[in-house]
Amino acid sequence: MEEIMRTSALTIGSIFLLGACGSMPTAPIAAPVVKIVTDRSAYAPGDSALVRLTNISPDSALYYSPCPKYLERRQIIGWTIVDPPSGRSVCALGMQVLQPGSTVTFSFPLAATLLRGSYRYRFGFLEMQSTSVDLPEAERLSNIFQVQ
């Protein structure tokens, strides 16, 4: 009985050691499929930001919707939403399809009361047509821009 327990302990220890030292297989990292950029790197409060969404995938259409979209401001604690979706406004655009290599541009007004700082847009819905999988959050973010 003691021999079985020692053998079991060695086997379990070996499994943990191999798991810690070996590399676990990971899914391949896919190339980015969308590029979201503003027309300028700096704005004044009250300006309108033109946001360009480009499908850079060579072979798959992209489902997108500008609703919801969030304006986020960099804070010491991280990014915080300053322009949440509102129940008062209705998005009439719904889901659209953006073919490979195509671009669509949106105009988003910036509130006249925005504080100075670093901002970005985050889109709530972007999905590849070929996989029907939401894009990771990192791909749903615009470049960082300044409000001065």
Protein backbone atom coordinates (compact mmCIF):
# COMPACT_ATOMS: atom_id res chain seq x y z
CA MET A 1 0.00 0.00 0.00
CA GLU A 2 2.84 2.39 0.92
CA GLU A 3 4.54 1.59 -2.39
CA ILE A 4 1.37 2.46 -4.35
CA MET A 5 1.05 5.82 -2.55
CA ARG A 6 4.70 6.71 -3.28
CA THR A 7 4.27 5.76 -6.96
CA SER A 8 1.06 7.81 -7.21
CA ALA A 9 2.71 10.83 -5.59
CA LEU A 10 5.66 10.59 -8.00
CA THR A 11 3.33 10.27 -10.99
CA ILE A 12 1.24 13.28 -9.94
CA GLY A 13 4.38 15.32 -9.21
CA SER A 14 5.79 14.45 -12.64
CA ILE A 15 2.59 15.55 -14.36
CA PHE A 16 2.66 18.93 -12.58
CA LEU A 17 6.36 19.38 -13.37
CA LEU A 18 5.86 18.60 -17.06
CA GLY A 19 2.89 20.94 -17.22
CA ALA A 20 4.87 23.75 -15.61
CA CYS A 21 7.95 23.27 -17.80
CA GLY A 22 6.28 22.42 -21.07
CA SER A 23 4.39 24.84 -23.23
CA MET A 24 0.66 24.47 -23.58
CA PRO A 25 -0.72 24.62 -27.11
CA THR A 26 -2.42 27.91 -27.93
CA ALA A 27 -4.71 28.96 -30.71
CA PRO A 28 -2.91 30.80 -33.51
CA ILE A 29 -3.14 34.56 -33.28
CA ALA A 30 -5.20 35.83 -36.18
CA ALA A 31 -4.14 38.91 -38.11
CA PRO A 32 -6.14 42.07 -37.44
CA VAL A 33 -9.18 42.39 -39.68
CA VAL A 34 -10.37 45.92 -38.98
CA LYS A 35 -8.74 49.31 -38.61
CA ILE A 36 -10.54 52.12 -36.78
CA VAL A 37 -8.98 55.58 -37.00
CA THR A 38 -10.08 59.16 -36.45
CA ASP A 39 -9.43 61.85 -39.04
CA ARG A 40 -7.32 63.90 -36.61
CA SER A 41 -5.14 63.32 -33.58
CA ALA A 42 -6.57 66.28 -31.64
CA TYR A 43 -9.95 68.01 -31.34
CA ALA A 44 -11.53 70.84 -29.42
CA PRO A 45 -14.67 70.28 -27.32
CA GLY A 46 -17.69 70.65 -29.60
CA ASP A 47 -15.86 69.44 -32.74
CA SER A 48 -17.05 66.45 -34.75
CA ALA A 49 -14.72 63.47 -35.04
CA LEU A 50 -14.73 61.57 -38.31
CA VAL A 51 -14.13 57.89 -37.53
CA ARG A 52 -13.11 55.62 -40.39
CA LEU A 53 -13.74 51.86 -40.13
CA THR A 54 -11.81 49.81 -42.71
CA ASN A 55 -12.10 46.07 -43.30
CA ILE A 56 -8.47 45.05 -43.85
CA SER A 57 -9.29 41.34 -44.09
CA PRO A 58 -8.33 39.99 -47.52
CA ASP A 59 -11.25 37.60 -47.79
CA SER A 60 -14.04 38.04 -45.23
CA ALA A 61 -16.85 40.53 -44.97
CA LEU A 62 -17.38 42.26 -41.65
CA TYR A 63 -20.70 42.79 -39.88
CA TYR A 64 -20.69 46.11 -38.05
CA SER A 65 -22.96 48.55 -36.32
CA PRO A 66 -22.09 52.01 -35.02
CA CYS A 67 -24.51 51.28 -32.17
CA PRO A 68 -23.54 50.98 -29.51
CA LYS A 69 -20.36 52.97 -29.62
CA TYR A 70 -18.67 54.40 -26.58
CA LEU A 71 -16.45 57.43 -26.10
CA GLU A 72 -13.87 56.58 -23.44
CA ARG A 73 -11.46 58.84 -21.55
CA ARG A 74 -8.14 57.70 -20.09
CA GLN A 75 -8.09 58.08 -16.31
CA ILE A 76 -5.52 57.08 -13.72
CA ILE A 77 -7.56 53.93 -13.05
CA GLY A 78 -7.89 53.04 -16.74
CA TRP A 79 -10.42 53.84 -19.44
CA THR A 80 -13.87 55.10 -18.40
CA ILE A 81 -16.95 55.62 -20.52
CA VAL A 82 -17.89 59.29 -20.84
CA ASP A 83 -20.51 58.93 -23.54
CA PRO A 84 -22.58 55.82 -22.82
CA PRO A 85 -25.34 54.70 -25.15
CA SER A 86 -28.58 56.40 -24.27
CA GLY A 87 -32.08 55.00 -24.25
CA ARG A 88 -33.20 58.36 -25.62
CA SER A 89 -31.57 57.85 -29.02
CA VAL A 90 -32.40 55.09 -31.46
CA CYS A 91 -29.87 53.82 -33.97
CA ALA A 92 -31.57 53.56 -37.33
CA LEU A 93 -28.55 52.05 -39.09
CA GLY A 94 -28.75 48.53 -37.63
CA MET A 95 -26.26 45.90 -38.72
CA GLN A 96 -24.38 46.54 -41.96
CA VAL A 97 -21.91 44.55 -44.07
CA LEU A 98 -18.46 45.90 -44.96
CA GLN A 99 -16.72 43.98 -47.74
CA PRO A 100 -12.96 43.26 -47.69
CA GLY A 101 -10.95 46.40 -48.46
CA SER A 102 -13.97 48.68 -47.99
CA THR A 103 -14.24 51.68 -45.68
CA VAL A 104 -17.14 53.46 -44.00
CA THR A 105 -16.90 56.82 -42.20
CA PHE A 106 -19.00 58.09 -39.30
CA SER A 107 -19.24 61.60 -37.89
CA PHE A 108 -19.53 61.67 -34.10
CA PRO A 109 -20.03 65.05 -32.41
CA LEU A 110 -17.91 65.66 -29.31
CA ALA A 111 -19.71 67.36 -26.43
CA ALA A 112 -18.78 70.96 -25.79
CA THR A 113 -18.29 70.05 -22.13
CA LEU A 114 -15.55 67.41 -22.68
CA LEU A 115 -12.53 67.77 -20.43
CA ARG A 116 -9.02 67.92 -21.83
CA GLY A 117 -7.42 64.50 -22.09
CA SER A 118 -6.89 61.33 -24.09
CA TYR A 119 -9.91 59.65 -25.66
CA ARG A 120 -10.82 56.74 -27.90
CA TYR A 121 -13.94 55.17 -29.39
CA ARG A 122 -14.98 51.60 -28.66
CA PHE A 123 -17.48 49.88 -30.94
CA GLY A 124 -19.85 47.44 -29.28
CA PHE A 125 -20.44 45.18 -32.29
CA LEU A 126 -18.00 43.97 -34.95
CA GLU A 127 -18.17 40.41 -36.26
CA MET A 128 -16.50 38.51 -39.10
CA GLN A 129 -19.06 37.13 -41.53
CA SER A 130 -16.99 34.00 -42.22
CA THR A 131 -16.80 32.92 -38.57
CA SER A 132 -19.77 34.66 -36.91
CA VAL A 133 -17.46 35.46 -33.99
CA ASP A 134 -17.24 38.86 -32.32
CA LEU A 135 -13.90 40.53 -32.79
CA PRO A 136 -11.79 40.88 -29.65
CA GLU A 137 -12.10 44.19 -27.81
CA ALA A 138 -8.63 45.30 -28.92
CA GLU A 139 -9.88 45.33 -32.53
CA ARG A 140 -13.01 47.31 -31.65
CA LEU A 141 -11.00 50.34 -30.45
CA SER A 142 -10.05 53.45 -32.37
CA ASN A 143 -6.71 55.16 -32.12
CA ILE A 144 -6.20 57.41 -29.10
CA PHE A 145 -6.84 61.12 -29.73
CA GLN A 146 -6.60 64.27 -27.65
CA VAL A 147 -9.23 66.77 -26.67
CA GLN A 148 -7.51 70.10 -25.98
